[in-house]
Amino acid sequence: MQTLKTNRSGIGVVFFVSVALTALVVLWGAVAPKNFGAVTNRLLGYVVSDLSWFFLLAANVFLVFVIYLALSRYGRIKLGKKNDSPDFGRLSWFAMMFQAGMGPSIIFWGLAEPLSHYVNVPFGLAEPGSDEAAGVAVQYSFFHWALHPWAIYATVGLAVAYFTHRKGEKALVSAIFRPLLGDRVDGPVGKTIDILAVLAVVFGIAVALGQAGLQLTAGLGQTFGLPTVMLVHLVVLGLTTAAFMVSATTRIEHGIKWLANISMLIAPLLLVFYFVVGPTVTQLNVLTEGIGDYLSNIVPMSFRLDAFDPNTDWLGSWTVFYWSWWIAWAPYVGMFMARISRGRSIREFVGATVLGPSVVSIIWIAVFGGAALRLARDGQASAIAETVAQSPAAGMFVFIQQYPLPILLSIITLVVLWVFFVASADSGTVVLGELSTGGSPNPRVWVRVLWGLLLAGVAAVLLVSGGLGALQKASVLTGTPFAILLIGICVSFYKTLSREHVPPAVEPSYSRATESGGSDSEGSDSGGRRIGREEHSDERVHLP
């Protein structure tokens, strides 16, 4: 009876092992933060120096893969049954996907990254502080926030949505591997895949929560003079954890949906305000030129390592960090996107999860990054670039001080950041609950609350053990094993599509003669009924 109860609730090996491993990491970081930091440093050095090539190649594979699916004959396939209709309107659907995929991160880095590249130019492509450096800074910022990250998310999202909504599999990463592994996905191999996915989600979200906590604290410091010390970081993290755990007790159609809609209402208002009061012509120039530089250099940037003299410090802090972070986030964002995308086609899904968010990210960076670079170039805020170099979290609020209504706009920005923060964490508890309880679509409240506490614990440990640097290291390390699984997801998903959705057979030129009584090469039964190839294929289904 106990076994049946355990199986029915979904609380099993994946749940206990993943919770235990996460708790051990929290305990290790809390008891021995220096040792924790030293070990992660050594592991990070190995990954960045020896595996940077793998991250770059993998990210390119994922981008080509999803674009191919969208443009090919597979693009018309519905992520669901024939009569399934979408559960959410387009605006709410897009808002929830964007806040899950980027959330507070675009606010954190949309301004800080261009300024960081302006003073520390990627691969020494320009003189720091020059006009050329500003152009390169925008180009690489677009590169890190458009197309590639969203393609990584879409790879997982498409596969999970297809296998759950169309084939009726459980919402688990392991289920995608059934075409490759067969029934072994129901045993130890599948459990291991799901545990790796849970750990990737935990550390991917913890990095985002830690960064948001740093920026909230920096904003409170710049706006109200609060000290930006570790105690304040932890208090902010604790209060926000309480908020998203309250949201976690509501249904997805209520808590997450309304938080996402609020954030997507306020954020565009900020964007429009700073476009109007900022250096509008410069921002438009940055957008136009930046898009041109990005698209014309996307292939060189996607493969650049400086093979004979690699700048591992820069790669580890930027491209490799980003690609591994997006990969670590992929099971979380992908599963969440899949859950809310029933009834959409593959082509529609790719358009809304890759192209749409990329455009929004590029516009955000052009408006805020372009205005910040203008301030730095004109000397109106001569310390802004140096401030960002020392504390990326403070950049946005130093920028706000240079424009009208600084106190009001700082408060609004804090609210947007906080709402993104809460919505992202809430979404994370849903996905962690699903992954750790056998794909349960509505995990129990106590399971979501437990994961909320563990997420906050991991974020707190990473902050205490090394701040932003520790957050980046954790992302790189957890993204590495899941990158290999993502390659397997591509293979398994494509194998399934190519087997189940063959194009209609082309009638041979002699088919009319056959129909009028001629020889039928495919044969007939005793009653004269034609036996075609389609009658012997149980698994192959023509495209809708």
Protein backbone atom coordinates (compact mmCIF):
# COMPACT_ATOMS: atom_id res chain seq x y z
CA MET A 1 0.00 0.00 0.00
CA GLN A 2 2.85 2.36 0.82
CA THR A 3 4.50 1.59 -2.52
CA LEU A 4 1.31 2.40 -4.40
CA LYS A 5 0.93 5.65 -2.50
CA THR A 6 4.50 6.63 -3.26
CA ASN A 7 4.15 5.83 -6.95
CA ARG A 8 0.84 7.66 -7.23
CA SER A 9 2.21 10.83 -5.62
CA GLY A 10 5.34 10.73 -7.74
CA ILE A 11 7.64 11.04 -4.73
CA GLY A 12 10.45 8.62 -5.50
CA VAL A 13 14.12 8.23 -6.28
CA VAL A 14 14.46 11.36 -8.41
CA PHE A 15 12.87 13.52 -5.71
CA PHE A 16 14.90 12.19 -2.79
CA VAL A 17 18.25 12.07 -4.60
CA SER A 18 17.93 15.54 -6.15
CA VAL A 19 16.73 17.11 -2.90
CA ALA A 20 19.55 15.41 -0.99
CA LEU A 21 22.23 16.54 -3.46
CA THR A 22 20.93 20.11 -3.47
CA ALA A 23 20.80 20.16 0.33
CA LEU A 24 24.38 18.84 0.51
CA VAL A 25 25.57 21.67 -1.74
CA VAL A 26 23.81 24.20 0.49
CA LEU A 27 25.34 22.60 3.60
CA TRP A 28 28.82 22.47 2.06
CA GLY A 29 28.72 26.10 1.01
CA ALA A 30 27.34 27.20 4.39
CA VAL A 31 29.85 25.25 6.50
CA ALA A 32 32.98 25.62 4.34
CA PRO A 33 32.51 28.50 1.88
CA LYS A 34 36.25 28.85 1.19
CA ASN A 35 36.65 25.19 0.31
CA PHE A 36 33.50 25.35 -1.79
CA GLY A 37 34.89 28.33 -3.71
CA ALA A 38 38.32 26.71 -4.20
CA VAL A 39 36.88 23.49 -5.63
CA THR A 40 34.53 25.29 -8.02
CA ASN A 41 37.44 27.49 -9.14
CA ARG A 42 39.51 24.46 -10.12
CA LEU A 43 36.64 22.81 -11.95
CA LEU A 44 35.79 26.04 -13.76
CA GLY A 45 39.38 26.44 -14.96
CA TYR A 46 39.26 23.00 -16.55
CA VAL A 47 35.91 23.56 -18.25
CA VAL A 48 36.82 26.96 -19.70
CA SER A 49 40.31 26.00 -20.85
CA ASP A 50 39.41 22.61 -22.34
CA LEU A 51 35.71 22.71 -23.26
CA SER A 52 35.02 26.20 -24.61
CA TRP A 53 35.01 24.77 -28.15
CA PHE A 54 32.26 22.34 -27.15
CA PHE A 55 29.96 25.06 -25.81
CA LEU A 56 30.34 27.16 -28.95
CA LEU A 57 29.71 24.25 -31.31
CA ALA A 58 26.75 22.99 -29.27
CA ALA A 59 25.02 26.39 -29.21
CA ASN A 60 25.37 26.65 -32.99
CA VAL A 61 23.91 23.16 -33.45
CA PHE A 62 20.85 24.08 -31.39
CA LEU A 63 20.25 27.29 -33.37
CA VAL A 64 20.50 25.55 -36.75
CA PHE A 65 18.31 22.70 -35.48
CA VAL A 66 15.31 24.80 -34.40
CA ILE A 67 15.48 27.07 -37.46
CA TYR A 68 15.52 24.01 -39.70
CA LEU A 69 12.48 22.52 -37.94
CA ALA A 70 10.55 25.79 -38.28
CA LEU A 71 11.30 26.24 -41.99
CA SER A 72 10.97 22.58 -43.00
CA ARG A 73 7.82 20.55 -43.59
CA TYR A 74 7.84 19.74 -39.87
CA GLY A 75 6.94 23.34 -39.08
CA ARG A 76 3.22 22.67 -39.59
CA ILE A 77 3.08 19.93 -36.95
CA LYS A 78 0.87 20.81 -33.99
CA LEU A 79 2.23 20.41 -30.46
CA GLY A 80 -0.84 18.53 -29.34
CA LYS A 81 -3.73 16.48 -30.60
CA LYS A 82 -5.66 17.42 -33.74
CA ASN A 83 -8.41 19.32 -31.92
CA ASP A 84 -6.26 20.91 -29.18
CA SER A 85 -6.49 24.68 -28.98
CA PRO A 86 -4.06 27.01 -27.12
CA ASP A 87 -4.66 27.47 -23.39
CA PHE A 88 -3.52 31.11 -23.32
CA GLY A 89 -3.90 34.20 -25.49
CA ARG A 90 -0.85 35.24 -27.50
CA LEU A 91 0.07 38.19 -25.28
CA SER A 92 -0.08 36.24 -22.01
CA TRP A 93 1.67 33.30 -23.69
CA PHE A 94 4.54 35.48 -24.90
CA ALA A 95 4.78 37.36 -21.59
CA MET A 96 5.09 34.16 -19.55
CA MET A 97 7.72 32.74 -21.90
CA PHE A 98 9.80 35.92 -21.89
CA GLN A 99 9.81 36.33 -18.12
CA ALA A 100 10.76 32.65 -17.74
CA GLY A 101 13.54 32.89 -20.32
CA MET A 102 15.15 36.17 -19.29
CA GLY A 103 13.24 37.63 -16.37
CA PRO A 104 15.37 39.98 -14.32
CA SER A 105 18.56 39.09 -16.20
CA ILE A 106 17.94 41.43 -19.15
CA ILE A 107 17.47 44.30 -16.68
CA PHE A 108 20.71 43.31 -14.96
CA TRP A 109 22.87 42.95 -18.07
CA GLY A 110 21.05 44.96 -20.75
CA LEU A 111 22.93 48.06 -19.63
CA ALA A 112 25.89 46.56 -17.75
CA GLU A 113 27.18 44.35 -20.55
CA PRO A 114 27.72 47.02 -23.25
CA LEU A 115 29.54 49.20 -20.71
CA SER A 116 31.66 46.24 -19.58
CA HIS A 117 32.73 45.44 -23.16
CA TYR A 118 33.39 49.14 -23.75
CA VAL A 119 36.22 49.14 -21.20
CA ASN A 120 37.25 45.49 -21.63
CA VAL A 121 36.85 44.92 -25.36
CA PRO A 122 36.26 41.29 -26.46
CA PHE A 123 39.38 39.69 -27.96
CA GLY A 124 41.08 43.11 -28.15
CA LEU A 125 39.07 43.98 -31.27
CA ALA A 126 39.28 47.76 -30.56
CA GLU A 127 40.95 50.31 -28.33
CA PRO A 128 39.10 50.45 -24.97
CA GLY A 129 36.96 53.58 -24.65
CA SER A 130 36.94 54.31 -28.40
CA ASP A 131 34.06 54.62 -30.85
CA GLU A 132 35.04 51.24 -32.28
CA ALA A 133 34.92 49.74 -28.78
CA ALA A 134 31.36 51.00 -28.33
CA GLY A 135 30.32 49.33 -31.60
CA VAL A 136 31.94 46.02 -30.65
CA ALA A 137 30.30 46.24 -27.21
CA VAL A 138 26.83 46.51 -28.74
CA GLN A 139 27.56 43.78 -31.28
CA TYR A 140 28.62 41.24 -28.64
CA SER A 141 25.77 42.20 -26.34
CA PHE A 142 23.30 41.40 -29.12
CA PHE A 143 25.17 38.16 -29.76
CA HIS A 144 24.81 37.02 -26.15
CA TRP A 145 21.11 37.88 -25.82
CA ALA A 146 19.54 37.08 -29.21
CA LEU A 147 18.91 33.88 -31.18
CA HIS A 148 21.40 31.49 -29.52
CA PRO A 149 19.99 31.48 -25.97
CA TRP A 150 16.41 31.29 -27.18
CA ALA A 151 17.28 28.45 -29.57
CA ILE A 152 18.69 26.50 -26.62
CA TYR A 153 15.43 26.94 -24.74
CA ALA A 154 13.35 26.09 -27.81
CA THR A 155 15.24 22.83 -28.34
CA VAL A 156 14.04 21.48 -25.00
CA GLY A 157 10.65 23.18 -25.21
CA LEU A 158 9.78 21.71 -28.61
CA ALA A 159 10.81 18.20 -27.64
CA VAL A 160 8.98 18.23 -24.30
CA ALA A 161 5.85 19.77 -25.84
CA TYR A 162 5.77 17.20 -28.64
CA PHE A 163 6.28 14.19 -26.41
CA THR A 164 3.82 15.34 -23.74
CA HIS A 165 1.02 17.01 -25.71
CA ARG A 166 1.11 14.86 -28.85
CA LYS A 167 2.43 11.48 -27.68
CA GLY A 168 1.08 11.52 -24.12
CA GLU A 169 4.43 11.03 -22.37
CA LYS A 170 5.08 12.41 -18.91
CA ALA A 171 6.60 15.90 -18.70
CA LEU A 172 10.10 14.56 -18.07
CA VAL A 173 13.38 15.09 -19.90
CA SER A 174 14.02 11.34 -19.77
CA ALA A 175 10.82 10.64 -21.75
CA ILE A 176 12.34 12.36 -24.80
CA PHE A 177 15.03 9.66 -24.93
CA ARG A 178 12.58 6.75 -25.34
CA PRO A 179 13.23 6.49 -29.12
CA LEU A 180 16.94 6.03 -28.34
CA LEU A 181 16.89 4.11 -25.04
CA GLY A 182 13.56 2.28 -25.13
CA ASP A 183 12.18 1.17 -21.78
CA ARG A 184 15.47 1.99 -20.08
CA VAL A 185 14.14 5.52 -19.61
CA ASP A 186 11.85 4.04 -16.97
CA GLY A 187 14.80 2.64 -15.02
CA PRO A 188 18.07 3.92 -13.51
CA VAL A 189 19.25 5.54 -16.76
CA GLY A 190 16.10 7.63 -17.05
CA LYS A 191 16.19 8.54 -13.37
CA THR A 192 19.80 9.74 -13.78
CA ILE A 193 18.78 11.95 -16.72
CA ASP A 194 15.98 13.52 -14.68
CA ILE A 195 18.27 14.08 -11.67
CA LEU A 196 20.79 15.88 -13.91
CA ALA A 197 17.95 17.99 -15.29
CA VAL A 198 16.78 18.90 -11.77
CA LEU A 199 20.29 19.94 -10.71
CA ALA A 200 20.73 22.04 -13.86
CA VAL A 201 17.45 23.81 -13.14
CA VAL A 202 18.35 24.41 -9.49
CA PHE A 203 21.67 26.08 -10.23
CA GLY A 204 20.46 27.90 -13.34
CA ILE A 205 17.62 29.54 -11.42
CA ALA A 206 19.83 30.15 -8.36
CA VAL A 207 22.22 32.16 -10.56
CA ALA A 208 19.33 34.34 -11.77
CA LEU A 209 17.97 34.79 -8.25
CA GLY A 210 21.39 35.70 -6.92
CA GLN A 211 21.91 38.27 -9.66
CA ALA A 212 18.48 39.75 -9.06
CA GLY A 213 19.23 39.94 -5.34
CA LEU A 214 22.46 41.80 -6.06
CA GLN A 215 20.66 44.29 -8.27
CA LEU A 216 17.79 44.83 -5.83
CA THR A 217 20.30 45.56 -3.08
CA ALA A 218 22.30 47.87 -5.34
CA GLY A 219 19.10 49.69 -6.30
CA LEU A 220 18.06 50.13 -2.68
CA GLY A 221 21.54 51.44 -1.94
CA GLN A 222 21.55 53.95 -4.78
CA THR A 223 17.96 55.05 -4.14
CA PHE A 224 17.60 55.00 -0.36
CA GLY A 225 21.18 54.78 0.87
CA LEU A 226 20.96 51.28 2.30
CA PRO A 227 24.36 49.61 2.76
CA THR A 228 25.17 47.03 0.07
CA VAL A 229 26.56 44.48 2.50
CA MET A 230 26.00 40.72 2.56
CA LEU A 231 23.42 40.93 5.35
CA VAL A 232 21.22 43.19 3.22
CA HIS A 233 21.66 40.83 0.24
CA LEU A 234 20.42 37.93 2.35
CA VAL A 235 17.50 39.88 3.83
CA VAL A 236 16.35 40.92 0.35
CA LEU A 237 16.70 37.34 -0.83
CA GLY A 238 14.71 36.09 2.16
CA LEU A 239 11.85 38.55 1.72
CA THR A 240 11.60 37.83 -1.98
CA THR A 241 11.66 34.09 -1.30
CA ALA A 242 8.66 34.51 1.00
CA ALA A 243 6.83 36.37 -1.80
CA PHE A 244 7.40 33.79 -4.51
CA MET A 245 6.50 30.95 -2.16
CA VAL A 246 3.13 32.64 -1.56
CA SER A 247 2.73 32.82 -5.34
CA ALA A 248 3.73 29.15 -5.54
CA THR A 249 0.60 28.18 -3.60
CA THR A 250 -1.64 29.45 -6.43
CA ARG A 251 -2.37 27.84 -9.78
CA ILE A 252 -0.21 28.75 -12.79
CA GLU A 253 -3.23 30.41 -14.44
CA HIS A 254 -3.34 32.87 -11.54
CA GLY A 255 0.01 33.60 -9.88
CA ILE A 256 2.54 33.27 -12.71
CA LYS A 257 0.19 34.54 -15.41
CA TRP A 258 -0.67 37.75 -13.55
CA LEU A 259 2.91 38.39 -12.47
CA ALA A 260 4.10 37.96 -16.05
CA ASN A 261 1.40 40.28 -17.38
CA ILE A 262 2.26 42.96 -14.80
CA SER A 263 5.97 42.82 -15.62
CA MET A 264 5.32 42.94 -19.36
CA LEU A 265 3.11 45.99 -18.86
CA ILE A 266 5.56 48.02 -16.75
CA ALA A 267 8.79 47.09 -18.55
CA PRO A 268 7.70 48.54 -21.94
CA LEU A 269 6.74 51.79 -20.21
CA LEU A 270 10.29 52.09 -18.88
CA LEU A 271 11.62 51.33 -22.34
CA VAL A 272 9.48 54.02 -23.98
CA PHE A 273 10.32 56.59 -21.30
CA TYR A 274 14.08 56.26 -21.71
CA PHE A 275 13.74 56.19 -25.47
CA VAL A 276 11.88 59.53 -25.35
CA VAL A 277 14.03 61.32 -22.75
CA GLY A 278 17.29 59.65 -23.79
CA PRO A 279 19.50 60.31 -26.81
CA THR A 280 16.86 59.03 -29.21
CA VAL A 281 18.88 59.45 -32.40
CA THR A 282 21.86 57.67 -30.85
CA GLN A 283 19.61 54.84 -29.67
CA LEU A 284 18.16 54.43 -33.16
CA ASN A 285 21.66 54.52 -34.64
CA VAL A 286 22.81 51.89 -32.14
CA LEU A 287 19.85 49.68 -33.00
CA THR A 288 20.40 49.97 -36.75
CA GLU A 289 24.17 49.65 -36.80
CA GLY A 290 24.17 47.03 -34.05
CA ILE A 291 21.79 44.77 -35.97
CA GLY A 292 23.96 45.09 -39.07
CA ASP A 293 27.17 44.33 -37.16
CA TYR A 294 25.53 41.44 -35.35
CA LEU A 295 24.08 39.76 -38.44
CA SER A 296 27.20 40.27 -40.56
CA ASN A 297 29.48 38.90 -37.83
CA ILE A 298 27.27 36.23 -36.27
CA VAL A 299 29.23 33.36 -37.84
CA PRO A 300 32.71 34.61 -36.79
CA MET A 301 31.45 35.43 -33.28
CA SER A 302 29.77 32.03 -32.98
CA PHE A 303 33.05 30.21 -33.56
CA ARG A 304 35.70 32.64 -32.27
CA LEU A 305 38.09 31.30 -29.62
CA ASP A 306 41.48 32.82 -30.59
CA ALA A 307 42.69 29.23 -30.82
CA PHE A 308 46.42 29.85 -30.37
CA ASP A 309 46.08 32.41 -27.60
CA PRO A 310 42.59 31.94 -26.09
CA ASN A 311 41.43 34.62 -23.67
CA THR A 312 39.98 32.14 -21.19
CA ASP A 313 39.24 34.82 -18.59
CA TRP A 314 37.01 36.72 -20.99
CA LEU A 315 35.39 33.58 -22.43
CA GLY A 316 34.70 32.18 -18.97
CA SER A 317 33.12 35.44 -17.85
CA TRP A 318 31.05 35.99 -20.96
CA THR A 319 30.35 33.64 -23.90
CA VAL A 320 31.06 30.32 -22.16
CA PHE A 321 29.30 31.58 -19.03
CA TYR A 322 26.25 32.64 -21.03
CA TRP A 323 26.02 29.50 -23.15
CA SER A 324 26.38 27.24 -20.11
CA TRP A 325 23.87 29.37 -18.16
CA TRP A 326 21.30 29.14 -20.95
CA ILE A 327 21.91 25.39 -21.16
CA ALA A 328 21.48 25.02 -17.39
CA TRP A 329 18.23 27.00 -17.68
CA ALA A 330 17.05 24.98 -20.69
CA PRO A 331 15.15 22.22 -18.85
CA TYR A 332 13.42 24.81 -16.67
CA VAL A 333 12.50 27.28 -19.40
CA GLY A 334 11.89 24.58 -22.01
CA MET A 335 9.53 22.60 -19.78
CA PHE A 336 7.68 25.72 -18.73
CA MET A 337 7.34 26.85 -22.36
CA ALA A 338 6.12 23.38 -23.31
CA ARG A 339 3.52 23.37 -20.56
CA ILE A 340 1.89 26.59 -21.79
CA SER A 341 2.21 25.86 -25.54
CA ARG A 342 -0.31 23.08 -26.15
CA GLY A 343 -2.02 23.57 -29.51
CA ARG A 344 0.72 25.70 -31.11
CA SER A 345 2.57 24.56 -34.22
CA ILE A 346 6.33 24.02 -34.31
CA ARG A 347 6.73 27.02 -36.63
CA GLU A 348 4.62 29.22 -34.37
CA PHE A 349 6.53 28.05 -31.31
CA VAL A 350 9.93 28.85 -32.83
CA GLY A 351 8.75 32.25 -34.00
CA ALA A 352 7.44 33.13 -30.53
CA THR A 353 10.34 31.66 -28.55
CA VAL A 354 13.33 32.53 -30.76
CA LEU A 355 12.58 35.44 -33.08
CA GLY A 356 10.17 37.46 -30.92
CA PRO A 357 12.23 37.48 -27.70
CA SER A 358 15.42 38.15 -29.68
CA VAL A 359 13.88 41.30 -31.14
CA VAL A 360 12.73 42.47 -27.69
CA SER A 361 16.18 41.82 -26.19
CA ILE A 362 17.93 43.71 -29.00
CA ILE A 363 15.64 46.72 -28.61
CA TRP A 364 16.13 46.76 -24.83
CA ILE A 365 19.93 46.68 -25.17
CA ALA A 366 19.89 49.37 -27.89
CA VAL A 367 17.81 51.73 -25.75
CA PHE A 368 19.51 51.27 -22.38
CA GLY A 369 22.97 50.20 -23.51
CA GLY A 370 23.06 52.83 -26.24
CA ALA A 371 22.06 55.62 -23.84
CA ALA A 372 24.60 54.45 -21.23
CA LEU A 373 27.39 54.35 -23.81
CA ARG A 374 26.43 57.89 -24.91
CA LEU A 375 26.75 59.07 -21.30
CA ALA A 376 30.13 57.42 -20.99
CA ARG A 377 31.37 58.84 -24.31
CA ASP A 378 30.21 62.40 -23.50
CA GLY A 379 31.54 62.40 -19.97
CA GLN A 380 28.12 63.24 -18.53
CA ALA A 381 28.49 60.30 -16.19
CA SER A 382 32.20 59.73 -16.36
CA ALA A 383 32.18 57.11 -13.61
CA ILE A 384 29.38 54.97 -15.04
CA ALA A 385 31.63 52.54 -16.93
CA GLU A 386 33.99 52.22 -13.97
CA THR A 387 31.05 51.72 -11.61
CA VAL A 388 29.71 48.90 -13.76
CA ALA A 389 33.16 47.33 -13.92
CA GLN A 390 33.21 47.23 -10.11
CA SER A 391 29.52 46.42 -9.57
CA PRO A 392 27.42 45.46 -12.61
CA ALA A 393 24.33 45.39 -10.38
CA ALA A 394 24.63 49.12 -9.68
CA GLY A 395 24.84 50.18 -13.33
CA MET A 396 21.13 50.55 -13.99
CA PHE A 397 20.59 52.78 -10.96
CA VAL A 398 23.60 54.99 -11.68
CA PHE A 399 22.15 55.41 -15.15
CA ILE A 400 18.71 56.38 -13.80
CA GLN A 401 20.24 59.20 -11.75
CA GLN A 402 21.20 60.99 -14.97
CA TYR A 403 17.60 61.40 -16.16
CA PRO A 404 14.40 63.10 -14.89
CA LEU A 405 12.41 61.65 -11.95
CA PRO A 406 15.27 59.47 -10.66
CA ILE A 407 13.60 58.46 -7.38
CA LEU A 408 10.30 57.54 -9.02
CA LEU A 409 11.97 55.67 -11.87
CA SER A 410 14.28 53.85 -9.47
CA ILE A 411 11.27 52.66 -7.47
CA ILE A 412 9.46 51.53 -10.63
CA THR A 413 12.58 49.69 -11.79
CA LEU A 414 12.87 47.97 -8.42
CA VAL A 415 9.24 46.88 -8.67
CA VAL A 416 9.72 45.48 -12.19
CA LEU A 417 12.89 43.69 -11.12
CA TRP A 418 11.15 42.27 -8.05
CA VAL A 419 8.13 41.06 -10.06
CA PHE A 420 10.40 39.39 -12.62
CA PHE A 421 12.32 37.86 -9.71
CA VAL A 422 9.19 36.44 -8.06
CA ALA A 423 7.66 35.18 -11.33
CA SER A 424 10.88 33.44 -12.41
CA ALA A 425 11.30 31.71 -9.07
CA ASP A 426 7.63 30.71 -9.01
CA SER A 427 7.94 29.20 -12.50
CA GLY A 428 11.04 27.38 -11.32
CA THR A 429 9.25 25.70 -8.43
CA VAL A 430 6.58 24.43 -10.85
CA VAL A 431 9.18 22.86 -13.14
CA LEU A 432 11.24 21.42 -10.29
CA GLY A 433 8.08 19.93 -8.83
CA GLU A 434 7.23 18.32 -12.17
CA LEU A 435 10.71 16.96 -12.80
CA SER A 436 11.17 15.57 -9.30
CA THR A 437 7.74 13.93 -8.94
CA GLY A 438 7.54 11.89 -12.12
CA GLY A 439 6.07 14.56 -14.37
CA SER A 440 3.12 15.53 -12.19
CA PRO A 441 1.42 18.52 -13.91
CA ASN A 442 0.33 19.98 -10.56
CA PRO A 443 2.96 19.14 -7.95
CA ARG A 444 1.86 19.39 -4.34
CA VAL A 445 2.22 22.75 -2.65
CA TRP A 446 4.67 21.45 -0.05
CA VAL A 447 6.92 20.13 -2.85
CA ARG A 448 6.99 23.56 -4.52
CA VAL A 449 7.61 25.29 -1.20
CA LEU A 450 10.49 22.91 -0.41
CA TRP A 451 12.11 23.63 -3.77
CA GLY A 452 11.61 27.36 -3.18
CA LEU A 453 13.52 27.10 0.08
CA LEU A 454 16.32 25.09 -1.55
CA LEU A 455 16.58 27.56 -4.44
CA ALA A 456 16.97 30.42 -1.96
CA GLY A 457 19.52 28.38 -0.01
CA VAL A 458 21.67 27.71 -3.09
CA ALA A 459 21.50 31.38 -4.15
CA ALA A 460 22.49 32.48 -0.62
CA VAL A 461 25.42 30.02 -0.49
CA LEU A 462 26.73 31.19 -3.86
CA LEU A 463 26.49 34.84 -2.80
CA VAL A 464 28.30 34.20 0.47
CA SER A 465 31.02 32.06 -1.12
CA GLY A 466 31.97 34.51 -3.85
CA GLY A 467 29.23 36.83 -5.02
CA LEU A 468 28.72 37.26 -8.76
CA GLY A 469 31.83 35.22 -9.62
CA ALA A 470 30.54 32.21 -7.70
CA LEU A 471 27.17 32.50 -9.44
CA GLN A 472 28.87 32.38 -12.83
CA LYS A 473 31.02 29.38 -11.87
CA ALA A 474 28.03 27.39 -10.68
CA SER A 475 26.26 28.03 -13.97
CA VAL A 476 29.19 26.85 -16.09
CA LEU A 477 29.70 23.68 -14.05
CA THR A 478 26.05 22.58 -14.03
CA GLY A 479 25.53 23.43 -17.69
CA THR A 480 28.35 21.12 -18.86
CA PRO A 481 26.71 17.70 -18.34
CA PHE A 482 23.32 18.91 -19.52
CA ALA A 483 24.84 20.18 -22.78
CA ILE A 484 25.58 16.55 -23.67
CA LEU A 485 21.98 15.59 -22.89
CA LEU A 486 20.76 18.41 -25.14
CA ILE A 487 22.64 16.91 -28.08
CA GLY A 488 20.86 13.63 -27.36
CA ILE A 489 17.51 15.44 -27.24
CA CYS A 490 18.10 16.81 -30.75
CA VAL A 491 18.93 13.34 -32.10
CA SER A 492 15.97 11.64 -30.42
CA PHE A 493 13.45 14.34 -31.37
CA TYR A 494 14.52 14.41 -35.01
CA LYS A 495 14.46 10.63 -35.20
CA THR A 496 10.88 10.67 -33.93
CA LEU A 497 9.74 13.38 -36.34
CA SER A 498 11.33 11.76 -39.39
CA ARG A 499 9.79 8.38 -38.52
CA GLU A 500 6.29 9.56 -37.66
CA HIS A 501 5.82 12.32 -40.25
CA VAL A 502 6.83 11.10 -43.67
CA PRO A 503 5.78 13.15 -46.72
CA PRO A 504 2.90 11.80 -48.81
CA ALA A 505 4.13 9.31 -51.40
CA VAL A 506 4.32 10.59 -54.95
CA GLU A 507 2.08 8.59 -57.30
CA PRO A 508 4.12 6.89 -60.05
CA SER A 509 3.37 7.76 -63.68
CA TYR A 510 1.67 4.44 -64.29
CA SER A 511 -0.79 4.79 -61.41
CA ARG A 512 -3.75 5.57 -63.72
CA ALA A 513 -3.21 2.37 -65.64
CA THR A 514 -3.11 0.50 -62.37
CA GLU A 515 -6.40 2.04 -61.24
CA SER A 516 -8.09 1.01 -64.52
CA GLY A 517 -7.24 -2.61 -64.11
CA GLY A 518 -3.55 -2.78 -64.89
CA SER A 519 -0.89 -4.46 -62.78
CA ASP A 520 -0.57 -3.19 -59.23
CA SER A 521 2.97 -3.55 -58.00
CA GLU A 522 1.84 -3.09 -54.42
CA GLY A 523 -0.56 -6.04 -54.68
CA SER A 524 -4.18 -6.54 -53.74
CA ASP A 525 -6.19 -8.75 -51.46
CA SER A 526 -8.63 -11.42 -52.62
CA GLY A 527 -11.40 -8.82 -52.90
CA GLY A 528 -9.45 -6.52 -55.18
CA ARG A 529 -8.70 -3.96 -52.41
CA ARG A 530 -5.30 -2.30 -52.90
CA ILE A 531 -2.75 -2.90 -50.20
CA GLY A 532 -0.58 0.20 -50.14
CA ARG A 533 2.50 1.01 -48.15
CA GLU A 534 0.48 3.17 -45.77
CA GLU A 535 -1.58 0.15 -44.64
CA HIS A 536 1.54 -1.53 -43.32
CA SER A 537 2.95 1.42 -41.41
CA ASP A 538 1.48 1.68 -37.94
CA GLU A 539 3.72 4.45 -36.72
CA ARG A 540 4.02 6.73 -39.72
CA VAL A 541 1.50 9.52 -39.86
CA HIS A 542 1.21 12.01 -42.70
CA LEU A 543 1.62 15.64 -41.87
CA PRO A 544 -1.64 17.38 -40.90
